[in-house]
Amino acid sequence: MNWNDVIKYANNGSPAPDRRVEKTEEEWQEQLTPEQYRITRQKGTERAFSGELCSAHDPGKYACICCDTLLFDSDLKFDSGTGWPSFTEPVKDNAIKYEKDTTYGMVRVEAMCNVCDGHLGHVFSDGPAPSGLRFCINSESIKLVEKEETADQD
């Protein structure tokens, strides 16, 4: 996966997810903390360097806080210095949904969970090799799942 793939998906639609999870706003509010709801369902952003997963380097995979879909592997996490957890690529091409985001006078690519449409953050083209991608993800939108717990989900 590279920046050209991200732009193609943002302009033409992302690969179909393996499954879909849809809930009412009331169901999401009951399930999530107020901050998780604000970020994932209302496209919010946590303050830089405020998320507990920003500096975490424990082994495992990161799953969507809303629907438990595996999204990122800790082996592909890196310190971008931006204040948010950063990854070079998702665990699967169809794990992430990409949409053009023109809010705040910028043009960016929003990264969302492809299963439940939960807002995760944004993807940029200034990441390390080999992908050159930087998935800049809110800590509140993901959770670390230990390696042993993910063995049956791979």
Protein backbone atom coordinates (compact mmCIF):
# COMPACT_ATOMS: atom_id res chain seq x y z
CA MET A 1 0.00 0.00 0.00
CA ASN A 2 1.24 3.50 -0.83
CA TRP A 3 -0.02 7.08 -1.19
CA ASN A 4 -1.40 6.42 -4.70
CA ASP A 5 -3.56 3.63 -3.26
CA VAL A 6 -4.84 5.94 -0.50
CA ILE A 7 -5.79 8.65 -3.03
CA LYS A 8 -7.47 6.07 -5.28
CA TYR A 9 -9.55 4.77 -2.36
CA ALA A 10 -10.41 8.29 -1.15
CA ASN A 11 -11.60 9.27 -4.65
CA ASN A 12 -13.22 6.03 -5.79
CA GLY A 13 -14.25 4.19 -2.64
CA SER A 14 -12.45 1.83 -0.29
CA PRO A 15 -12.37 -1.96 -0.59
CA ALA A 16 -15.46 -3.64 0.88
CA PRO A 17 -15.08 -4.58 4.55
CA ASP A 18 -15.34 -8.20 5.74
CA ARG A 19 -18.45 -7.28 7.76
CA ARG A 20 -20.50 -4.26 8.83
CA VAL A 21 -21.47 -3.00 12.28
CA GLU A 22 -24.22 -0.39 12.42
CA LYS A 23 -25.78 1.04 15.56
CA THR A 24 -27.99 3.98 16.42
CA GLU A 25 -26.41 7.11 17.89
CA GLU A 26 -28.04 6.20 21.21
CA GLU A 27 -26.42 2.74 21.14
CA TRP A 28 -22.99 4.26 20.41
CA GLN A 29 -23.45 6.76 23.27
CA GLU A 30 -24.30 3.93 25.68
CA GLN A 31 -21.26 1.89 24.61
CA LEU A 32 -18.57 4.59 24.42
CA THR A 33 -17.20 7.12 26.88
CA PRO A 34 -18.14 10.72 26.06
CA GLU A 35 -14.62 11.37 24.68
CA GLN A 36 -14.62 8.17 22.59
CA TYR A 37 -18.02 9.13 21.20
CA ARG A 38 -16.89 12.68 20.40
CA ILE A 39 -13.85 11.44 18.51
CA THR A 40 -15.19 8.34 16.74
CA ARG A 41 -18.79 9.29 16.01
CA GLN A 42 -18.48 13.11 15.72
CA LYS A 43 -15.06 13.20 14.01
CA GLY A 44 -13.28 14.88 16.90
CA THR A 45 -9.56 15.01 17.66
CA GLU A 46 -7.75 14.58 20.95
CA ARG A 47 -5.10 17.10 21.95
CA ALA A 48 -1.59 16.24 20.73
CA PHE A 49 0.44 14.18 23.22
CA SER A 50 -2.63 13.62 25.43
CA GLY A 51 -3.50 10.06 24.38
CA GLU A 52 -2.23 7.18 26.48
CA LEU A 53 -1.33 5.11 23.39
CA CYS A 54 0.88 7.78 21.85
CA SER A 55 4.04 6.52 23.55
CA ALA A 56 2.94 2.89 24.11
CA HIS A 57 5.17 0.28 22.49
CA ASP A 58 3.68 -2.93 23.87
CA PRO A 59 3.40 -5.83 21.41
CA GLY A 60 -0.02 -6.60 19.99
CA LYS A 61 -2.55 -5.28 17.58
CA TYR A 62 -4.76 -2.24 17.76
CA ALA A 63 -8.50 -2.67 17.33
CA CYS A 64 -11.34 -0.21 16.76
CA ILE A 65 -12.76 0.94 20.10
CA CYS A 66 -16.26 0.82 18.60
CA CYS A 67 -16.43 -2.61 16.92
CA ASP A 68 -13.24 -4.52 17.87
CA THR A 69 -12.05 -4.78 14.25
CA LEU A 70 -8.28 -5.27 14.07
CA LEU A 71 -6.77 -2.21 12.38
CA PHE A 72 -3.02 -1.87 13.05
CA ASP A 73 -0.09 -3.99 14.24
CA SER A 74 2.29 -2.69 16.91
CA ASP A 75 5.19 -3.84 14.71
CA LEU A 76 4.21 -1.06 12.26
CA LYS A 77 3.83 1.66 14.90
CA PHE A 78 6.45 4.40 14.99
CA ASP A 79 7.17 7.64 16.84
CA SER A 80 6.28 10.38 14.38
CA GLY A 81 6.78 13.18 16.90
CA THR A 82 3.30 14.51 16.07
CA GLY A 83 1.61 13.63 19.36
CA TRP A 84 -0.64 10.84 18.08
CA PRO A 85 -0.05 7.12 17.62
CA SER A 86 1.31 6.61 14.09
CA PHE A 87 1.38 3.53 11.90
CA THR A 88 2.78 2.83 8.43
CA GLU A 89 -0.12 0.69 7.19
CA PRO A 90 -3.22 -1.19 8.33
CA VAL A 91 -3.32 -4.93 9.03
CA LYS A 92 -5.48 -5.44 5.91
CA ASP A 93 -6.22 -3.28 2.88
CA ASN A 94 -9.94 -3.33 3.67
CA ALA A 95 -9.63 -2.49 7.39
CA ILE A 96 -9.59 1.27 6.77
CA LYS A 97 -12.09 3.46 4.94
CA TYR A 98 -10.60 6.53 3.25
CA GLU A 99 -12.49 9.77 2.58
CA LYS A 100 -11.41 13.19 1.38
CA ASP A 101 -11.61 15.70 4.25
CA THR A 102 -11.73 19.42 3.47
CA THR A 103 -12.50 20.73 6.97
CA TYR A 104 -10.51 23.55 8.55
CA GLY A 105 -9.39 24.88 5.15
CA MET A 106 -7.16 21.86 4.47
CA VAL A 107 -7.31 18.91 2.13
CA ARG A 108 -6.56 15.68 3.97
CA VAL A 109 -7.54 12.03 3.84
CA GLU A 110 -9.63 10.85 6.76
CA ALA A 111 -9.01 7.33 8.06
CA MET A 112 -12.08 5.55 9.43
CA CYS A 113 -12.86 2.01 10.52
CA ASN A 114 -14.25 0.38 7.39
CA VAL A 115 -16.55 -1.85 9.46
CA CYS A 116 -18.37 0.75 11.59
CA ASP A 117 -17.33 4.11 10.03
CA GLY A 118 -15.73 5.23 13.30
CA HIS A 119 -13.38 8.20 12.83
CA LEU A 120 -9.80 7.20 13.60
CA GLY A 121 -7.72 10.12 12.37
CA HIS A 122 -5.98 10.96 9.09
CA VAL A 123 -3.39 9.46 6.77
CA PHE A 124 -0.50 11.46 5.33
CA SER A 125 2.21 10.86 2.74
CA ASP A 126 5.16 11.76 5.01
CA GLY A 127 5.72 8.41 6.72
CA PRO A 128 8.79 6.16 6.67
CA ALA A 129 9.71 3.62 3.99
CA PRO A 130 8.61 1.32 2.58
CA SER A 131 4.98 2.59 2.45
CA GLY A 132 5.73 6.29 2.95
CA LEU A 133 2.44 6.50 4.86
CA ARG A 134 1.69 7.94 8.29
CA PHE A 135 -1.63 6.90 9.76
CA CYS A 136 -2.09 9.52 12.49
CA ILE A 137 -4.64 7.93 14.85
CA ASN A 138 -6.46 9.18 17.96
CA SER A 139 -5.70 7.04 21.05
CA GLU A 140 -9.37 7.25 22.04
CA SER A 141 -10.45 5.50 18.83
CA ILE A 142 -8.33 2.36 19.27
CA LYS A 143 -7.37 -0.15 21.92
CA LEU A 144 -4.35 -2.43 22.25
CA VAL A 145 -5.14 -6.12 22.08
CA GLU A 146 -2.39 -8.40 23.34
CA LYS A 147 -0.73 -10.80 20.87
CA GLU A 148 -2.31 -13.90 22.47
CA GLU A 149 -5.81 -12.43 22.15
CA THR A 150 -5.38 -11.75 18.42
CA ALA A 151 -4.18 -15.23 17.41
CA ASP A 152 -7.72 -16.38 16.63
CA GLN A 153 -8.56 -13.12 14.77
CA ASP A 154 -5.66 -13.23 12.26
